[in-house]
Amino acid sequence: MDDGAVEIREEQRDRREEKRRLIVRFVAAVALDLFTGVYKRAAGFDGSDPNSGTETTENEHSAFFWAAIFNKVAHLSCMLVIFQILSSVVVLGRRMRSHREDCDMKLLGGFISVTISLCLMAYHRWWVSC
């Protein structure tokens, strides 16, 4: 009889631990998404459509185009993580672990995309625009 109670307590403890781990990923995804939004405005990605190809300004360089694309990838990756974590709150504890691992991969992809975008914009600002 005690074994059943111990198993239930352990399962509840595992769920709480998984929820705490998902909360950390959620906060990281929101922070990275806010950063991509601020960076998008500061870099001027929102003023022109990088897919149109009709701009004749200094932002015509391919580094600007790819920086804008990687910023979009990072934003989408973060939004997927946020949506997945919010939807997984109602999911059982066993599936939360797989959600956490999937969120880690998406967050890593978003972080790498933001880093590449920042590097391309630095290249564009320092060597192309000069």
C-alpha atoms as a PDB file:
ATOM      1  CA  MET A   1       0.000   0.000   0.000  1.00  0.00           C
ATOM      2  CA  ASP A   2       2.871   2.349   0.713  1.00  0.00           C
ATOM      3  CA  ASP A   3       4.429   1.508  -2.630  1.00  0.00           C
ATOM      4  CA  GLY A   4       1.487   3.035  -4.492  1.00  0.00           C
ATOM      5  CA  ALA A   5       1.635   6.243  -2.472  1.00  0.00           C
ATOM      6  CA  VAL A   6       5.392   6.490  -2.972  1.00  0.00           C
ATOM      7  CA  GLU A   7       5.002   6.022  -6.722  1.00  0.00           C
ATOM      8  CA  ILE A   8       2.343   8.747  -6.896  1.00  0.00           C
ATOM      9  CA  ARG A   9       4.556  11.147  -4.935  1.00  0.00           C
ATOM     10  CA  GLU A  10       7.526  10.405  -7.152  1.00  0.00           C
ATOM     11  CA  GLU A  11       5.417  10.940 -10.266  1.00  0.00           C
ATOM     12  CA  GLN A  12       4.153  14.270  -8.910  1.00  0.00           C
ATOM     13  CA  ARG A  13       7.703  15.289  -8.026  1.00  0.00           C
ATOM     14  CA  ASP A  14       8.870  14.370 -11.542  1.00  0.00           C
ATOM     15  CA  ARG A  15       6.074  16.470 -13.052  1.00  0.00           C
ATOM     16  CA  ARG A  16       6.999  19.462 -10.908  1.00  0.00           C
ATOM     17  CA  GLU A  17      10.662  19.128 -11.935  1.00  0.00           C
ATOM     18  CA  GLU A  18       9.734  18.916 -15.613  1.00  0.00           C
ATOM     19  CA  LYS A  19       7.493  21.974 -15.267  1.00  0.00           C
ATOM     20  CA  ARG A  20      10.345  23.915 -13.660  1.00  0.00           C
ATOM     21  CA  ARG A  21      12.662  22.932 -16.489  1.00  0.00           C
ATOM     22  CA  LEU A  22      10.070  23.984 -19.078  1.00  0.00           C
ATOM     23  CA  ILE A  23       9.601  27.326 -17.323  1.00  0.00           C
ATOM     24  CA  VAL A  24      13.322  28.046 -17.733  1.00  0.00           C
ATOM     25  CA  ARG A  25      13.072  27.278 -21.458  1.00  0.00           C
ATOM     26  CA  PHE A  26       9.949  29.427 -21.740  1.00  0.00           C
ATOM     27  CA  VAL A  27      11.703  32.418 -20.155  1.00  0.00           C
ATOM     28  CA  ALA A  28      14.713  31.908 -22.447  1.00  0.00           C
ATOM     29  CA  ALA A  29      12.453  31.724 -25.515  1.00  0.00           C
ATOM     30  CA  VAL A  30      10.567  34.883 -24.556  1.00  0.00           C
ATOM     31  CA  ALA A  31      13.807  36.770 -23.881  1.00  0.00           C
ATOM     32  CA  LEU A  32      15.339  35.649 -27.184  1.00  0.00           C
ATOM     33  CA  ASP A  33      12.145  36.551 -29.032  1.00  0.00           C
ATOM     34  CA  LEU A  34      12.095  40.024 -27.475  1.00  0.00           C
ATOM     35  CA  PHE A  35      15.748  40.454 -28.435  1.00  0.00           C
ATOM     36  CA  THR A  36      15.025  39.492 -32.056  1.00  0.00           C
ATOM     37  CA  GLY A  37      12.197  42.045 -32.143  1.00  0.00           C
ATOM     38  CA  VAL A  38      14.361  44.846 -30.771  1.00  0.00           C
ATOM     39  CA  TYR A  39      17.237  43.853 -33.038  1.00  0.00           C
ATOM     40  CA  LYS A  40      14.888  43.753 -36.037  1.00  0.00           C
ATOM     41  CA  ARG A  41      13.829  47.354 -35.452  1.00  0.00           C
ATOM     42  CA  ALA A  42      17.342  48.572 -34.678  1.00  0.00           C
ATOM     43  CA  ALA A  43      18.774  46.954 -37.818  1.00  0.00           C
ATOM     44  CA  GLY A  44      15.947  48.203 -40.024  1.00  0.00           C
ATOM     45  CA  PHE A  45      14.607  44.812 -41.059  1.00  0.00           C
ATOM     46  CA  ASP A  46      11.010  45.897 -40.565  1.00  0.00           C
ATOM     47  CA  GLY A  47      11.250  48.902 -42.875  1.00  0.00           C
ATOM     48  CA  SER A  48      11.763  46.937 -46.053  1.00  0.00           C
ATOM     49  CA  ASP A  49      10.892  43.486 -47.275  1.00  0.00           C
ATOM     50  CA  PRO A  50      14.122  41.536 -47.825  1.00  0.00           C
ATOM     51  CA  ASN A  51      12.311  39.208 -50.238  1.00  0.00           C
ATOM     52  CA  SER A  52      11.216  41.907 -52.672  1.00  0.00           C
ATOM     53  CA  GLY A  53      14.670  42.620 -54.119  1.00  0.00           C
ATOM     54  CA  THR A  54      13.564  45.991 -55.509  1.00  0.00           C
ATOM     55  CA  GLU A  55      15.266  48.256 -52.952  1.00  0.00           C
ATOM     56  CA  THR A  56      17.980  50.498 -54.305  1.00  0.00           C
ATOM     57  CA  THR A  57      19.284  51.618 -50.923  1.00  0.00           C
ATOM     58  CA  GLU A  58      22.406  50.544 -49.082  1.00  0.00           C
ATOM     59  CA  ASN A  59      20.428  47.607 -47.686  1.00  0.00           C
ATOM     60  CA  GLU A  60      20.610  45.879 -51.049  1.00  0.00           C
ATOM     61  CA  HIS A  61      23.711  43.917 -50.052  1.00  0.00           C
ATOM     62  CA  SER A  62      23.347  40.160 -49.595  1.00  0.00           C
ATOM     63  CA  ALA A  63      24.662  40.360 -46.005  1.00  0.00           C
ATOM     64  CA  PHE A  64      21.646  42.489 -45.075  1.00  0.00           C
ATOM     65  CA  PHE A  65      19.314  40.066 -46.837  1.00  0.00           C
ATOM     66  CA  TRP A  66      20.721  37.018 -45.048  1.00  0.00           C
ATOM     67  CA  ALA A  67      20.818  38.802 -41.695  1.00  0.00           C
ATOM     68  CA  ALA A  68      17.107  39.560 -42.097  1.00  0.00           C
ATOM     69  CA  ILE A  69      16.376  35.948 -43.040  1.00  0.00           C
ATOM     70  CA  PHE A  70      18.274  34.551 -40.049  1.00  0.00           C
ATOM     71  CA  ASN A  71      16.486  37.031 -37.780  1.00  0.00           C
ATOM     72  CA  LYS A  72      13.150  35.701 -39.087  1.00  0.00           C
ATOM     73  CA  VAL A  73      14.288  32.111 -38.505  1.00  0.00           C
ATOM     74  CA  ALA A  74      15.259  32.963 -34.923  1.00  0.00           C
ATOM     75  CA  HIS A  75      11.903  34.672 -34.344  1.00  0.00           C
ATOM     76  CA  LEU A  76       9.953  31.723 -35.732  1.00  0.00           C
ATOM     77  CA  SER A  77      12.011  29.265 -33.716  1.00  0.00           C
ATOM     78  CA  CYS A  78      11.308  31.170 -30.507  1.00  0.00           C
ATOM     79  CA  MET A  79       7.611  31.439 -31.293  1.00  0.00           C
ATOM     80  CA  LEU A  80       7.444  27.672 -31.882  1.00  0.00           C
ATOM     81  CA  VAL A  81       9.067  27.033 -28.507  1.00  0.00           C
ATOM     82  CA  ILE A  82       6.683  29.423 -26.761  1.00  0.00           C
ATOM     83  CA  PHE A  83       3.643  27.845 -28.392  1.00  0.00           C
ATOM     84  CA  GLN A  84       4.861  24.311 -27.715  1.00  0.00           C
ATOM     85  CA  ILE A  85       5.509  25.008 -24.036  1.00  0.00           C
ATOM     86  CA  LEU A  86       2.164  26.736 -23.564  1.00  0.00           C
ATOM     87  CA  SER A  87       0.369  23.838 -25.203  1.00  0.00           C
ATOM     88  CA  SER A  88       2.330  21.233 -23.222  1.00  0.00           C
ATOM     89  CA  VAL A  89       1.091  22.482 -19.857  1.00  0.00           C
ATOM     90  CA  VAL A  90      -1.893  20.171 -20.219  1.00  0.00           C
ATOM     91  CA  VAL A  91       0.232  17.248 -21.402  1.00  0.00           C
ATOM     92  CA  LEU A  92       1.231  14.411 -19.101  1.00  0.00           C
ATOM     93  CA  GLY A  93       4.648  14.420 -17.411  1.00  0.00           C
ATOM     94  CA  ARG A  94       6.050  11.691 -19.634  1.00  0.00           C
ATOM     95  CA  ARG A  95       5.606  13.736 -22.761  1.00  0.00           C
ATOM     96  CA  MET A  96       6.967  16.869 -21.111  1.00  0.00           C
ATOM     97  CA  ARG A  97      10.472  15.425 -21.253  1.00  0.00           C
ATOM     98  CA  SER A  98      10.253  15.013 -25.029  1.00  0.00           C
ATOM     99  CA  HIS A  99       8.840  18.544 -25.303  1.00  0.00           C
ATOM    100  CA  ARG A 100      11.769  19.850 -23.271  1.00  0.00           C
ATOM    101  CA  GLU A 101      14.302  18.155 -25.530  1.00  0.00           C
ATOM    102  CA  ASP A 102      12.527  19.449 -28.637  1.00  0.00           C
ATOM    103  CA  CYS A 103      12.419  22.956 -27.166  1.00  0.00           C
ATOM    104  CA  ASP A 104      16.152  22.772 -26.459  1.00  0.00           C
ATOM    105  CA  MET A 105      16.843  22.018 -30.116  1.00  0.00           C
ATOM    106  CA  LYS A 106      14.630  24.872 -31.312  1.00  0.00           C
ATOM    107  CA  LEU A 107      16.146  27.322 -28.824  1.00  0.00           C
ATOM    108  CA  LEU A 108      19.619  26.330 -29.945  1.00  0.00           C
ATOM    109  CA  GLY A 109      18.578  26.878 -33.562  1.00  0.00           C
ATOM    110  CA  GLY A 110      17.151  30.288 -32.671  1.00  0.00           C
ATOM    111  CA  PHE A 111      20.281  31.287 -30.788  1.00  0.00           C
ATOM    112  CA  ILE A 112      22.508  30.208 -33.669  1.00  0.00           C
ATOM    113  CA  SER A 113      20.301  32.110 -36.138  1.00  0.00           C
ATOM    114  CA  VAL A 114      20.482  35.304 -34.069  1.00  0.00           C
ATOM    115  CA  THR A 115      24.253  34.945 -33.787  1.00  0.00           C
ATOM    116  CA  ILE A 116      24.646  34.496 -37.546  1.00  0.00           C
ATOM    117  CA  SER A 117      22.326  37.446 -38.157  1.00  0.00           C
ATOM    118  CA  LEU A 118      24.356  39.655 -35.802  1.00  0.00           C
ATOM    119  CA  CYS A 119      27.606  38.622 -37.490  1.00  0.00           C
ATOM    120  CA  LEU A 120      26.208  39.387 -40.945  1.00  0.00           C
ATOM    121  CA  MET A 121      24.934  42.785 -39.841  1.00  0.00           C
ATOM    122  CA  ALA A 122      28.302  43.597 -38.275  1.00  0.00           C
ATOM    123  CA  TYR A 123      29.965  42.671 -41.575  1.00  0.00           C
ATOM    124  CA  HIS A 124      27.440  44.789 -43.473  1.00  0.00           C
ATOM    125  CA  ARG A 125      27.832  47.828 -41.217  1.00  0.00           C
ATOM    126  CA  TRP A 126      31.616  47.767 -40.868  1.00  0.00           C
ATOM    127  CA  TRP A 127      32.923  46.647 -44.247  1.00  0.00           C
ATOM    128  CA  VAL A 128      30.170  47.105 -46.807  1.00  0.00           C
ATOM    129  CA  SER A 129      28.690  50.408 -45.718  1.00  0.00           C
ATOM    130  CA  CYS A 130      32.054  52.147 -45.220  1.00  0.00           C
END
